[in-house]
Amino acid sequence: MLGATPPPPAAVFQTARPAAVTISLRTAPGGRVIARLRSHTEFGSPLVLGVGARRGSWVGLISTALPNGRLGWTEAGALRFATARYAIRVDLSARGLVLEHGGLVVRRITVGIGGGTTPTPPGRYTVTDKLPGNRVYGCCILALSGHQPHPPAGWQGEARLAIHGGALAAVSAGCLHASTADLRFLMAQVPLGTPVTIHR
């Protein structure tokens, strides 16, 4: 992304919401349209996107409509901006999740991660939805903007990443597992659009 302004630190991370019913995402500033987004996600949550970069009057957005690590560009005038003071950082090698607020650690959480053939993909994502769980996924689910590029054989449908319940010692299809107490804490504290950085 030559010429793009790097995103701000997580403590002053920006989020963006559509100012109109729909917005178009482009391959680059002024490039071709590759996605059109409505004001709500497919799960019914208000659409809150992460700002990944800026280039003049154009904004590069983190979106579920695009592959991991790829930004979709739209003009700043089509968006309403806000500051997200919370940030989530995940260290896969330590199986640890840290929730920060304004750069200060609020909670440290042990997590389960993906397995050898379905590893949790490192990258920069955002929290897109906070959903009720079920017998498979536990009490609650924090859906992320990322995708599992290597879903298990026979997987049906979209392979979205999430933070949900499950045995911490068990490997997942790429999602992060957390305890019920930790999930309920995250559900209560973490706003939509919160940046999630996952690294090895």
N, C-alpha and C. Protein backbone atom coordinates (compact mmCIF):
# COMPACT_ATOMS: atom_id res chain seq x y z
N MET A 1 0.84 -1.19 0.00
CA MET A 1 0.00 0.00 0.00
C MET A 1 0.88 1.24 0.00
N LEU A 2 1.62 1.41 -1.04
CA LEU A 2 2.55 2.52 -1.17
C LEU A 2 1.80 3.84 -1.05
N GLY A 3 2.33 4.72 -0.19
CA GLY A 3 1.72 6.02 -0.04
C GLY A 3 0.61 6.09 0.99
N ALA A 4 0.22 4.93 1.56
CA ALA A 4 -0.85 4.92 2.54
C ALA A 4 -0.31 5.33 3.90
N THR A 5 -1.09 6.10 4.63
CA THR A 5 -0.71 6.48 5.98
C THR A 5 -0.94 5.30 6.91
N PRO A 6 0.04 4.89 7.71
CA PRO A 6 -0.17 3.76 8.59
C PRO A 6 -1.25 4.05 9.61
N PRO A 7 -1.96 3.01 10.08
CA PRO A 7 -3.04 3.24 11.03
C PRO A 7 -2.51 3.75 12.36
N PRO A 8 -3.35 4.40 13.14
CA PRO A 8 -2.91 4.90 14.44
C PRO A 8 -2.69 3.77 15.41
N PRO A 9 -1.99 4.02 16.53
CA PRO A 9 -1.84 2.99 17.54
C PRO A 9 -3.19 2.50 18.04
N ALA A 10 -3.22 1.26 18.59
CA ALA A 10 -4.48 0.68 19.02
C ALA A 10 -5.20 1.55 20.04
N ALA A 11 -4.46 2.29 20.86
CA ALA A 11 -5.08 3.11 21.89
C ALA A 11 -5.94 4.21 21.30
N VAL A 12 -5.70 4.60 20.04
CA VAL A 12 -6.51 5.62 19.38
C VAL A 12 -6.98 5.09 18.02
N PHE A 13 -7.29 3.82 17.97
CA PHE A 13 -7.75 3.17 16.75
C PHE A 13 -9.07 3.78 16.30
N GLN A 14 -9.20 4.02 15.00
CA GLN A 14 -10.43 4.60 14.47
C GLN A 14 -11.34 3.52 13.89
N THR A 15 -12.64 3.74 14.09
CA THR A 15 -13.64 2.91 13.43
C THR A 15 -14.47 3.81 12.53
N ALA A 16 -15.22 3.18 11.63
CA ALA A 16 -16.04 3.94 10.69
C ALA A 16 -17.37 3.24 10.47
N ARG A 17 -18.42 4.04 10.38
CA ARG A 17 -19.75 3.53 10.05
C ARG A 17 -20.24 4.24 8.80
N PRO A 18 -21.03 3.55 7.98
CA PRO A 18 -21.55 4.21 6.78
C PRO A 18 -22.43 5.40 7.14
N ALA A 19 -22.27 6.50 6.40
CA ALA A 19 -23.11 7.68 6.60
C ALA A 19 -24.40 7.58 5.80
N ALA A 20 -24.47 6.59 4.88
CA ALA A 20 -25.65 6.38 4.06
C ALA A 20 -26.09 4.91 4.19
N VAL A 21 -27.12 4.54 3.45
CA VAL A 21 -27.66 3.18 3.53
C VAL A 21 -26.64 2.16 3.05
N THR A 22 -25.88 2.51 2.01
CA THR A 22 -24.86 1.61 1.48
C THR A 22 -23.58 2.39 1.19
N ILE A 23 -22.46 1.67 1.19
CA ILE A 23 -21.20 2.24 0.72
C ILE A 23 -20.54 1.24 -0.21
N SER A 24 -19.69 1.74 -1.08
CA SER A 24 -18.96 0.88 -2.01
C SER A 24 -17.50 0.80 -1.57
N LEU A 25 -16.95 -0.40 -1.63
CA LEU A 25 -15.53 -0.60 -1.38
C LEU A 25 -14.83 -0.83 -2.71
N ARG A 26 -13.66 -0.21 -2.87
CA ARG A 26 -12.92 -0.28 -4.12
C ARG A 26 -11.55 -0.92 -3.91
N THR A 27 -10.96 -1.39 -4.97
CA THR A 27 -9.66 -2.05 -4.90
C THR A 27 -8.57 -1.10 -4.43
N ALA A 28 -8.71 0.17 -4.72
CA ALA A 28 -7.74 1.22 -4.38
C ALA A 28 -8.48 2.55 -4.49
N PRO A 29 -7.92 3.65 -4.03
CA PRO A 29 -8.58 4.95 -4.22
C PRO A 29 -8.91 5.17 -5.69
N GLY A 30 -10.19 5.34 -5.98
CA GLY A 30 -10.63 5.54 -7.35
C GLY A 30 -10.69 4.28 -8.18
N GLY A 31 -10.38 3.12 -7.59
CA GLY A 31 -10.37 1.86 -8.31
C GLY A 31 -11.76 1.29 -8.54
N ARG A 32 -11.80 0.08 -9.06
CA ARG A 32 -13.10 -0.55 -9.35
C ARG A 32 -13.77 -1.02 -8.06
N VAL A 33 -15.09 -1.04 -8.10
CA VAL A 33 -15.89 -1.47 -6.95
C VAL A 33 -15.80 -2.98 -6.81
N ILE A 34 -15.48 -3.44 -5.61
CA ILE A 34 -15.39 -4.88 -5.37
C ILE A 34 -16.42 -5.37 -4.35
N ALA A 35 -17.07 -4.46 -3.64
CA ALA A 35 -18.10 -4.86 -2.68
C ALA A 35 -18.98 -3.65 -2.37
N ARG A 36 -20.24 -3.95 -2.06
CA ARG A 36 -21.17 -2.92 -1.58
C ARG A 36 -21.70 -3.38 -0.24
N LEU A 37 -21.61 -2.51 0.75
CA LEU A 37 -21.99 -2.86 2.11
C LEU A 37 -23.19 -2.05 2.55
N ARG A 38 -24.07 -2.71 3.32
CA ARG A 38 -25.22 -2.02 3.91
C ARG A 38 -24.86 -1.57 5.32
N SER A 39 -25.78 -0.91 5.97
CA SER A 39 -25.51 -0.32 7.27
C SER A 39 -25.52 -1.33 8.41
N HIS A 40 -25.90 -2.59 8.10
CA HIS A 40 -25.90 -3.65 9.11
C HIS A 40 -25.23 -4.90 8.54
N THR A 41 -24.67 -5.72 9.44
CA THR A 41 -24.03 -6.96 9.02
C THR A 41 -25.08 -8.01 8.68
N GLU A 42 -24.63 -9.14 8.18
CA GLU A 42 -25.56 -10.23 7.86
C GLU A 42 -26.24 -10.80 9.10
N PHE A 43 -25.67 -10.52 10.29
CA PHE A 43 -26.27 -10.97 11.54
C PHE A 43 -27.16 -9.91 12.18
N GLY A 44 -27.28 -8.75 11.53
CA GLY A 44 -28.17 -7.70 12.01
C GLY A 44 -27.52 -6.66 12.90
N SER A 45 -26.21 -6.77 13.14
CA SER A 45 -25.52 -5.78 13.96
C SER A 45 -25.24 -4.52 13.14
N PRO A 46 -25.19 -3.35 13.81
CA PRO A 46 -24.75 -2.14 13.09
C PRO A 46 -23.35 -2.37 12.51
N LEU A 47 -23.15 -1.97 11.27
CA LEU A 47 -21.86 -2.17 10.61
C LEU A 47 -20.84 -1.18 11.15
N VAL A 48 -19.80 -1.69 11.79
CA VAL A 48 -18.70 -0.87 12.29
C VAL A 48 -17.41 -1.45 11.72
N LEU A 49 -16.72 -0.68 10.90
CA LEU A 49 -15.53 -1.14 10.20
C LEU A 49 -14.27 -0.57 10.84
N GLY A 50 -13.18 -1.28 10.74
CA GLY A 50 -11.90 -0.78 11.21
C GLY A 50 -11.20 0.01 10.13
N VAL A 51 -10.59 1.12 10.51
CA VAL A 51 -9.80 1.93 9.58
C VAL A 51 -8.39 1.34 9.54
N GLY A 52 -8.00 0.82 8.38
CA GLY A 52 -6.69 0.20 8.24
C GLY A 52 -5.62 1.12 7.69
N ALA A 53 -6.04 2.15 6.92
CA ALA A 53 -5.08 3.08 6.33
C ALA A 53 -5.84 4.27 5.75
N ARG A 54 -5.10 5.33 5.47
CA ARG A 54 -5.65 6.51 4.81
C ARG A 54 -4.73 6.93 3.68
N ARG A 55 -5.33 7.46 2.65
CA ARG A 55 -4.56 7.97 1.51
C ARG A 55 -5.31 9.19 0.97
N GLY A 56 -4.89 10.38 1.40
CA GLY A 56 -5.62 11.57 1.02
C GLY A 56 -7.02 11.55 1.61
N SER A 57 -8.03 11.73 0.76
CA SER A 57 -9.42 11.71 1.22
C SER A 57 -10.02 10.31 1.21
N TRP A 58 -9.18 9.32 0.93
CA TRP A 58 -9.66 7.94 0.87
C TRP A 58 -9.28 7.18 2.13
N VAL A 59 -10.14 6.23 2.48
CA VAL A 59 -9.95 5.43 3.70
C VAL A 59 -9.96 3.95 3.33
N GLY A 60 -8.94 3.22 3.80
CA GLY A 60 -8.87 1.77 3.60
C GLY A 60 -9.50 1.07 4.79
N LEU A 61 -10.51 0.25 4.53
CA LEU A 61 -11.32 -0.35 5.58
C LEU A 61 -11.11 -1.86 5.68
N ILE A 62 -11.16 -2.37 6.91
CA ILE A 62 -11.11 -3.80 7.18
C ILE A 62 -12.54 -4.32 7.13
N SER A 63 -12.82 -5.28 6.26
CA SER A 63 -14.20 -5.73 6.06
C SER A 63 -14.26 -7.24 5.85
N THR A 64 -15.36 -7.84 6.28
CA THR A 64 -15.58 -9.27 6.05
C THR A 64 -15.76 -9.59 4.57
N ALA A 65 -16.05 -8.56 3.77
CA ALA A 65 -16.28 -8.78 2.34
C ALA A 65 -15.01 -9.05 1.57
N LEU A 66 -13.85 -8.91 2.24
CA LEU A 66 -12.57 -9.04 1.57
C LEU A 66 -11.71 -10.11 2.24
N PRO A 67 -10.73 -10.65 1.52
CA PRO A 67 -9.83 -11.64 2.13
C PRO A 67 -9.02 -11.01 3.26
N ASN A 68 -8.50 -11.86 4.14
CA ASN A 68 -7.66 -11.39 5.24
C ASN A 68 -6.52 -10.52 4.72
N GLY A 69 -6.26 -9.41 5.38
CA GLY A 69 -5.13 -8.55 5.03
C GLY A 69 -5.37 -7.59 3.88
N ARG A 70 -6.54 -7.64 3.27
CA ARG A 70 -6.83 -6.76 2.14
C ARG A 70 -7.80 -5.67 2.57
N LEU A 71 -7.55 -4.44 2.16
CA LEU A 71 -8.40 -3.32 2.50
C LEU A 71 -9.32 -2.95 1.34
N GLY A 72 -10.51 -2.48 1.68
CA GLY A 72 -11.42 -1.91 0.70
C GLY A 72 -11.49 -0.41 0.90
N TRP A 73 -11.42 0.35 -0.20
CA TRP A 73 -11.27 1.80 -0.12
C TRP A 73 -12.57 2.53 -0.45
N THR A 74 -12.85 3.54 0.35
CA THR A 74 -13.99 4.42 0.07
C THR A 74 -13.62 5.83 0.52
N GLU A 75 -14.39 6.82 0.05
CA GLU A 75 -14.08 8.20 0.39
C GLU A 75 -14.53 8.52 1.82
N ALA A 76 -13.75 9.33 2.49
CA ALA A 76 -14.01 9.64 3.90
C ALA A 76 -15.38 10.28 4.10
N GLY A 77 -15.86 11.02 3.10
CA GLY A 77 -17.16 11.67 3.22
C GLY A 77 -18.32 10.71 3.33
N ALA A 78 -18.11 9.45 2.97
CA ALA A 78 -19.17 8.45 3.03
C ALA A 78 -19.25 7.78 4.41
N LEU A 79 -18.40 8.25 5.34
CA LEU A 79 -18.26 7.55 6.62
C LEU A 79 -18.44 8.50 7.81
N ARG A 80 -18.81 7.90 8.95
CA ARG A 80 -18.79 8.60 10.24
C ARG A 80 -17.75 7.90 11.11
N PHE A 81 -16.83 8.68 11.67
CA PHE A 81 -15.70 8.09 12.39
C PHE A 81 -15.89 8.19 13.90
N ALA A 82 -15.25 7.25 14.57
CA ALA A 82 -15.23 7.25 16.04
C ALA A 82 -13.91 6.66 16.49
N THR A 83 -13.62 6.82 17.76
CA THR A 83 -12.40 6.27 18.34
C THR A 83 -12.72 5.05 19.17
N ALA A 84 -12.01 3.95 18.93
CA ALA A 84 -12.18 2.73 19.71
C ALA A 84 -11.01 2.63 20.69
N ARG A 85 -11.31 2.77 21.96
CA ARG A 85 -10.24 2.76 22.97
C ARG A 85 -9.84 1.36 23.39
N TYR A 86 -10.71 0.38 23.10
CA TYR A 86 -10.37 -1.00 23.45
C TYR A 86 -9.56 -1.64 22.31
N ALA A 87 -8.75 -2.60 22.66
CA ALA A 87 -7.99 -3.38 21.67
C ALA A 87 -7.76 -4.78 22.23
N ILE A 88 -7.78 -5.76 21.35
CA ILE A 88 -7.50 -7.15 21.72
C ILE A 88 -6.24 -7.59 21.00
N ARG A 89 -5.32 -8.19 21.77
CA ARG A 89 -4.09 -8.73 21.19
C ARG A 89 -4.00 -10.20 21.57
N VAL A 90 -3.71 -11.03 20.58
CA VAL A 90 -3.64 -12.48 20.79
C VAL A 90 -2.26 -12.98 20.40
N ASP A 91 -1.63 -13.70 21.32
CA ASP A 91 -0.33 -14.33 21.08
C ASP A 91 -0.59 -15.83 20.96
N LEU A 92 -0.51 -16.35 19.73
CA LEU A 92 -0.83 -17.76 19.49
C LEU A 92 0.16 -18.69 20.18
N SER A 93 1.43 -18.34 20.18
CA SER A 93 2.43 -19.22 20.79
C SER A 93 2.23 -19.35 22.30
N ALA A 94 1.73 -18.29 22.92
CA ALA A 94 1.48 -18.31 24.37
C ALA A 94 0.04 -18.69 24.69
N ARG A 95 -0.80 -18.82 23.66
CA ARG A 95 -2.23 -19.08 23.84
C ARG A 95 -2.83 -18.07 24.81
N GLY A 96 -2.50 -16.82 24.58
CA GLY A 96 -2.97 -15.76 25.46
C GLY A 96 -3.64 -14.63 24.72
N LEU A 97 -4.69 -14.10 25.32
CA LEU A 97 -5.41 -12.94 24.79
C LEU A 97 -5.33 -11.84 25.83
N VAL A 98 -5.03 -10.63 25.39
CA VAL A 98 -4.96 -9.48 26.28
C VAL A 98 -5.97 -8.45 25.80
N LEU A 99 -6.84 -8.01 26.71
CA LEU A 99 -7.75 -6.92 26.41
C LEU A 99 -7.18 -5.65 27.01
N GLU A 100 -7.05 -4.61 26.17
CA GLU A 100 -6.51 -3.33 26.61
C GLU A 100 -7.56 -2.24 26.46
N HIS A 101 -7.46 -1.24 27.32
CA HIS A 101 -8.30 -0.05 27.21
C HIS A 101 -7.40 1.17 27.35
N GLY A 102 -7.33 1.96 26.31
CA GLY A 102 -6.45 3.11 26.33
C GLY A 102 -4.99 2.74 26.51
N GLY A 103 -4.60 1.56 26.04
CA GLY A 103 -3.22 1.10 26.16
C GLY A 103 -2.92 0.38 27.45
N LEU A 104 -3.87 0.32 28.38
CA LEU A 104 -3.66 -0.36 29.66
C LEU A 104 -4.34 -1.72 29.66
N VAL A 105 -3.69 -2.72 30.24
CA VAL A 105 -4.25 -4.08 30.26
C VAL A 105 -5.43 -4.13 31.22
N VAL A 106 -6.56 -4.61 30.71
CA VAL A 106 -7.78 -4.77 31.51
C VAL A 106 -7.95 -6.21 31.96
N ARG A 107 -7.60 -7.17 31.09
CA ARG A 107 -7.79 -8.58 31.42
C ARG A 107 -6.87 -9.43 30.56
N ARG A 108 -6.32 -10.48 31.16
CA ARG A 108 -5.53 -11.48 30.44
C ARG A 108 -6.32 -12.78 30.42
N ILE A 109 -6.41 -13.40 29.24
CA ILE A 109 -7.28 -14.55 29.05
C ILE A 109 -6.50 -15.66 28.36
N THR A 110 -6.63 -16.89 28.88
CA THR A 110 -6.07 -18.06 28.20
C THR A 110 -7.06 -18.52 27.13
N VAL A 111 -6.56 -18.81 25.93
CA VAL A 111 -7.43 -19.20 24.83
C VAL A 111 -6.94 -20.49 24.18
N GLY A 112 -7.89 -21.23 23.62
CA GLY A 112 -7.57 -22.32 22.73
C GLY A 112 -7.46 -21.78 21.31
N ILE A 113 -6.70 -22.48 20.47
CA ILE A 113 -6.44 -21.98 19.11
C ILE A 113 -6.63 -23.09 18.09
N GLY A 114 -6.43 -22.77 16.82
CA GLY A 114 -6.58 -23.74 15.75
C GLY A 114 -5.50 -24.80 15.76
N GLY A 115 -5.76 -25.90 15.04
CA GLY A 115 -4.84 -27.03 14.99
C GLY A 115 -3.85 -26.95 13.85
N GLY A 116 -3.12 -28.04 13.64
CA GLY A 116 -2.05 -28.06 12.64
C GLY A 116 -2.53 -27.85 11.22
N THR A 117 -3.66 -28.46 10.86
CA THR A 117 -4.18 -28.31 9.49
C THR A 117 -5.18 -27.17 9.38
N THR A 118 -5.64 -26.67 10.53
CA THR A 118 -6.58 -25.55 10.55
C THR A 118 -6.09 -24.48 11.53
N PRO A 119 -4.90 -23.93 11.29
CA PRO A 119 -4.33 -22.97 12.24
C PRO A 119 -5.12 -21.67 12.27
N THR A 120 -5.06 -21.01 13.41
CA THR A 120 -5.64 -19.67 13.52
C THR A 120 -4.77 -18.70 12.71
N PRO A 121 -5.31 -18.04 11.70
CA PRO A 121 -4.48 -17.18 10.85
C PRO A 121 -4.11 -15.87 11.55
N PRO A 122 -2.81 -15.55 11.63
CA PRO A 122 -2.41 -14.25 12.16
C PRO A 122 -2.95 -13.13 11.27
N GLY A 123 -3.09 -11.97 11.84
CA GLY A 123 -3.56 -10.84 11.05
C GLY A 123 -4.22 -9.79 11.91
N ARG A 124 -4.75 -8.82 11.24
CA ARG A 124 -5.42 -7.70 11.90
C ARG A 124 -6.90 -7.71 11.52
N TYR A 125 -7.75 -7.84 12.52
CA TYR A 125 -9.19 -7.99 12.31
C TYR A 125 -9.94 -7.00 13.20
N THR A 126 -11.27 -7.07 13.13
CA THR A 126 -12.11 -6.30 14.04
C THR A 126 -13.25 -7.18 14.53
N VAL A 127 -13.85 -6.79 15.65
CA VAL A 127 -15.06 -7.46 16.15
C VAL A 127 -16.25 -6.91 15.35
N THR A 128 -16.96 -7.81 14.69
CA THR A 128 -18.07 -7.38 13.83
C THR A 128 -19.43 -7.58 14.46
N ASP A 129 -19.57 -8.61 15.31
CA ASP A 129 -20.87 -8.94 15.89
C ASP A 129 -20.66 -9.57 17.26
N LYS A 130 -21.65 -9.38 18.15
CA LYS A 130 -21.71 -10.07 19.43
C LYS A 130 -23.00 -10.86 19.45
N LEU A 131 -22.87 -12.19 19.44
CA LEU A 131 -24.00 -13.07 19.18
C LEU A 131 -24.24 -14.05 20.32
N PRO A 132 -25.49 -14.48 20.52
CA PRO A 132 -25.75 -15.53 21.49
C PRO A 132 -25.16 -16.85 21.00
N GLY A 133 -24.74 -17.69 21.93
CA GLY A 133 -24.13 -18.96 21.56
C GLY A 133 -25.14 -20.09 21.51
N ASN A 134 -24.61 -21.31 21.57
CA ASN A 134 -25.43 -22.51 21.57
C ASN A 134 -24.63 -23.64 22.20
N ARG A 135 -25.09 -24.87 22.08
CA ARG A 135 -24.40 -26.00 22.72
C ARG A 135 -23.02 -26.23 22.13
N VAL A 136 -22.81 -25.83 20.89
CA VAL A 136 -21.51 -26.04 20.24
C VAL A 136 -20.54 -24.92 20.59
N TYR A 137 -21.01 -23.67 20.55
CA TYR A 137 -20.11 -22.52 20.65
C TYR A 137 -20.13 -21.85 22.03
N GLY A 138 -20.84 -22.42 22.99
CA GLY A 138 -20.83 -21.85 24.32
C GLY A 138 -21.82 -20.72 24.47
N CYS A 139 -21.64 -19.93 25.53
CA CYS A 139 -22.62 -18.90 25.91
C CYS A 139 -22.79 -17.81 24.88
N CYS A 140 -21.68 -17.48 24.21
CA CYS A 140 -21.71 -16.28 23.38
C CYS A 140 -20.56 -16.30 22.39
N ILE A 141 -20.73 -15.48 21.37
CA ILE A 141 -19.77 -15.47 20.26
C ILE A 141 -19.40 -14.04 19.90
N LEU A 142 -18.11 -13.77 19.80
CA LEU A 142 -17.65 -12.51 19.22
C LEU A 142 -17.14 -12.83 17.81
N ALA A 143 -17.93 -12.48 16.81
CA ALA A 143 -17.53 -12.73 15.43
C ALA A 143 -16.48 -11.73 15.01
N LEU A 144 -15.50 -12.20 14.24
CA LEU A 144 -14.41 -11.35 13.76
C LEU A 144 -14.51 -11.15 12.25
N SER A 145 -13.81 -10.16 11.76
CA SER A 145 -13.85 -9.85 10.33
C SER A 145 -13.04 -10.82 9.49
N GLY A 146 -12.20 -11.65 10.12
CA GLY A 146 -11.32 -12.54 9.37
C GLY A 146 -11.98 -13.83 8.93
N HIS A 147 -11.27 -14.55 8.06
CA HIS A 147 -11.74 -15.82 7.51
C HIS A 147 -10.67 -16.89 7.74
N GLN A 148 -11.11 -18.13 7.84
CA GLN A 148 -10.18 -19.26 7.89
C GLN A 148 -9.88 -19.69 6.46
N PRO A 149 -8.65 -19.43 5.96
CA PRO A 149 -8.34 -19.80 4.57
C PRO A 149 -8.16 -21.30 4.37
N HIS A 150 -8.06 -22.05 5.46
CA HIS A 150 -7.86 -23.50 5.37
C HIS A 150 -8.91 -24.23 6.22
N PRO A 151 -10.19 -24.15 5.82
CA PRO A 151 -11.22 -24.81 6.63
C PRO A 151 -11.08 -26.33 6.57
N PRO A 152 -11.64 -27.03 7.56
CA PRO A 152 -11.57 -28.49 7.55
C PRO A 152 -12.25 -29.08 6.32
N ALA A 153 -11.83 -30.27 5.94
CA ALA A 153 -12.45 -30.95 4.80
C ALA A 153 -13.94 -31.13 5.06
N GLY A 154 -14.74 -30.81 4.05
CA GLY A 154 -16.17 -30.96 4.17
C GLY A 154 -16.88 -29.79 4.82
N TRP A 155 -16.14 -28.74 5.16
CA TRP A 155 -16.75 -27.57 5.81
C TRP A 155 -17.77 -26.94 4.88
N GLN A 156 -18.95 -26.64 5.42
CA GLN A 156 -20.01 -26.04 4.62
C GLN A 156 -20.18 -24.57 4.99
N GLY A 157 -20.32 -23.72 4.01
CA GLY A 157 -20.57 -22.31 4.26
C GLY A 157 -19.31 -21.52 4.51
N GLU A 158 -19.51 -20.28 4.97
CA GLU A 158 -18.41 -19.36 5.19
C GLU A 158 -17.64 -19.75 6.45
N ALA A 159 -16.32 -19.67 6.38
CA ALA A 159 -15.46 -20.04 7.52
C ALA A 159 -14.97 -18.77 8.20
N ARG A 160 -15.87 -18.09 8.92
CA ARG A 160 -15.51 -16.85 9.62
C ARG A 160 -14.80 -17.17 10.93
N LEU A 161 -13.86 -16.32 11.29
CA LEU A 161 -13.20 -16.45 12.58
C LEU A 161 -14.07 -15.85 13.68
N ALA A 162 -13.86 -16.35 14.91
CA ALA A 162 -14.63 -15.85 16.05
C ALA A 162 -13.90 -16.20 17.34
N ILE A 163 -14.35 -15.59 18.42
CA ILE A 163 -13.94 -15.97 19.76
C ILE A 163 -15.20 -16.56 20.40
N HIS A 164 -15.13 -17.83 20.78
CA HIS A 164 -16.32 -18.47 21.35
C HIS A 164 -15.91 -19.50 22.39
N GLY A 165 -16.88 -20.22 22.91
CA GLY A 165 -16.61 -21.20 23.94
C GLY A 165 -16.01 -22.48 23.38
N GLY A 166 -15.58 -23.36 24.28
CA GLY A 166 -14.98 -24.63 23.89
C GLY A 166 -13.84 -24.98 24.83
N ALA A 167 -13.47 -26.24 24.82
CA ALA A 167 -12.39 -26.69 25.69
C ALA A 167 -11.09 -26.00 25.30
N LEU A 168 -10.40 -25.41 26.28
CA LEU A 168 -9.19 -24.66 25.98
C LEU A 168 -8.06 -25.57 25.50
N ALA A 169 -8.09 -26.83 25.91
CA ALA A 169 -7.03 -27.76 25.50
C ALA A 169 -7.28 -28.33 24.11
N ALA A 170 -8.52 -28.19 23.60
CA ALA A 170 -8.85 -28.75 22.30
C ALA A 170 -8.46 -27.78 21.19
N VAL A 171 -8.12 -28.33 20.02
CA VAL A 171 -7.83 -27.48 18.87
C VAL A 171 -9.13 -27.17 18.15
N SER A 172 -9.16 -26.03 17.49
CA SER A 172 -10.37 -25.60 16.80
C SER A 172 -10.13 -25.62 15.29
N ALA A 173 -11.15 -25.19 14.56
CA ALA A 173 -11.02 -25.05 13.12
C ALA A 173 -10.41 -23.69 12.75
N GLY A 174 -9.88 -23.00 13.75
CA GLY A 174 -9.24 -21.71 13.51
C GLY A 174 -9.70 -20.63 14.46
N CYS A 175 -10.86 -20.83 15.08
CA CYS A 175 -11.38 -19.85 16.02
C CYS A 175 -10.61 -19.91 17.34
N LEU A 176 -10.84 -18.90 18.18
CA LEU A 176 -10.26 -18.85 19.51
C LEU A 176 -11.31 -19.32 20.51
N HIS A 177 -10.90 -20.17 21.46
CA HIS A 177 -11.78 -20.63 22.52
C HIS A 177 -11.46 -19.87 23.81
N ALA A 178 -12.48 -19.51 24.56
CA ALA A 178 -12.29 -18.87 25.86
C ALA A 178 -13.31 -19.44 26.84
N SER A 179 -13.05 -19.26 28.13
CA SER A 179 -13.97 -19.75 29.15
C SER A 179 -15.26 -18.93 29.14
N THR A 180 -16.30 -19.47 29.75
CA THR A 180 -17.58 -18.77 29.81
C THR A 180 -17.44 -17.43 30.54
N ALA A 181 -16.71 -17.44 31.66
CA ALA A 181 -16.54 -16.19 32.41
C ALA A 181 -15.83 -15.13 31.58
N ASP A 182 -14.79 -15.54 30.87
CA ASP A 182 -14.05 -14.58 30.05
C ASP A 182 -14.89 -14.11 28.87
N LEU A 183 -15.65 -15.00 28.27
CA LEU A 183 -16.51 -14.60 27.15
C LEU A 183 -17.56 -13.59 27.59
N ARG A 184 -18.16 -13.82 28.74
CA ARG A 184 -19.17 -12.89 29.23
C ARG A 184 -18.54 -11.52 29.52
N PHE A 185 -17.32 -11.52 30.03
CA PHE A 185 -16.63 -10.26 30.28
C PHE A 185 -16.38 -9.52 28.96
N LEU A 186 -15.88 -10.24 27.95
CA LEU A 186 -15.63 -9.61 26.66
C LEU A 186 -16.92 -9.09 26.04
N MET A 187 -17.99 -9.87 26.13
CA MET A 187 -19.27 -9.44 25.56
C MET A 187 -19.74 -8.14 26.20
N ALA A 188 -19.51 -8.01 27.50
CA ALA A 188 -19.97 -6.82 28.21
C ALA A 188 -19.09 -5.59 27.95
N GLN A 189 -17.80 -5.82 27.71
CA GLN A 189 -16.85 -4.70 27.64
C GLN A 189 -16.49 -4.26 26.23
N VAL A 190 -16.44 -5.19 25.30
CA VAL A 190 -15.83 -4.91 23.99
C VAL A 190 -16.86 -4.35 23.00
N PRO A 191 -16.65 -3.15 22.48
CA PRO A 191 -17.57 -2.60 21.48
C PRO A 191 -17.33 -3.20 20.10
N LEU A 192 -18.34 -3.11 19.25
CA LEU A 192 -18.17 -3.47 17.86
C LEU A 192 -17.09 -2.58 17.24
N GLY A 193 -16.31 -3.16 16.35
CA GLY A 193 -15.24 -2.41 15.70
C GLY A 193 -13.91 -2.50 16.43
N THR A 194 -13.89 -3.12 17.62
CA THR A 194 -12.65 -3.23 18.38
C THR A 194 -11.58 -3.96 17.56
N PRO A 195 -10.36 -3.41 17.47
CA PRO A 195 -9.31 -4.09 16.71
C PRO A 195 -8.84 -5.35 17.42
N VAL A 196 -8.58 -6.39 16.64
CA VAL A 196 -8.07 -7.66 17.14
C VAL A 196 -6.82 -8.01 16.34
N THR A 197 -5.68 -8.00 17.00
CA THR A 197 -4.41 -8.33 16.35
C THR A 197 -3.97 -9.70 16.82
N ILE A 198 -3.79 -10.62 15.88
CA ILE A 198 -3.37 -11.99 16.19
C ILE A 198 -1.98 -12.22 15.61
N HIS A 199 -1.05 -12.66 16.45
CA HIS A 199 0.30 -12.92 15.96
C HIS A 199 0.81 -14.24 16.53
N ARG A 200 1.81 -14.81 15.85
CA ARG A 200 2.37 -16.09 16.29
C ARG A 200 3.24 -15.90 17.52
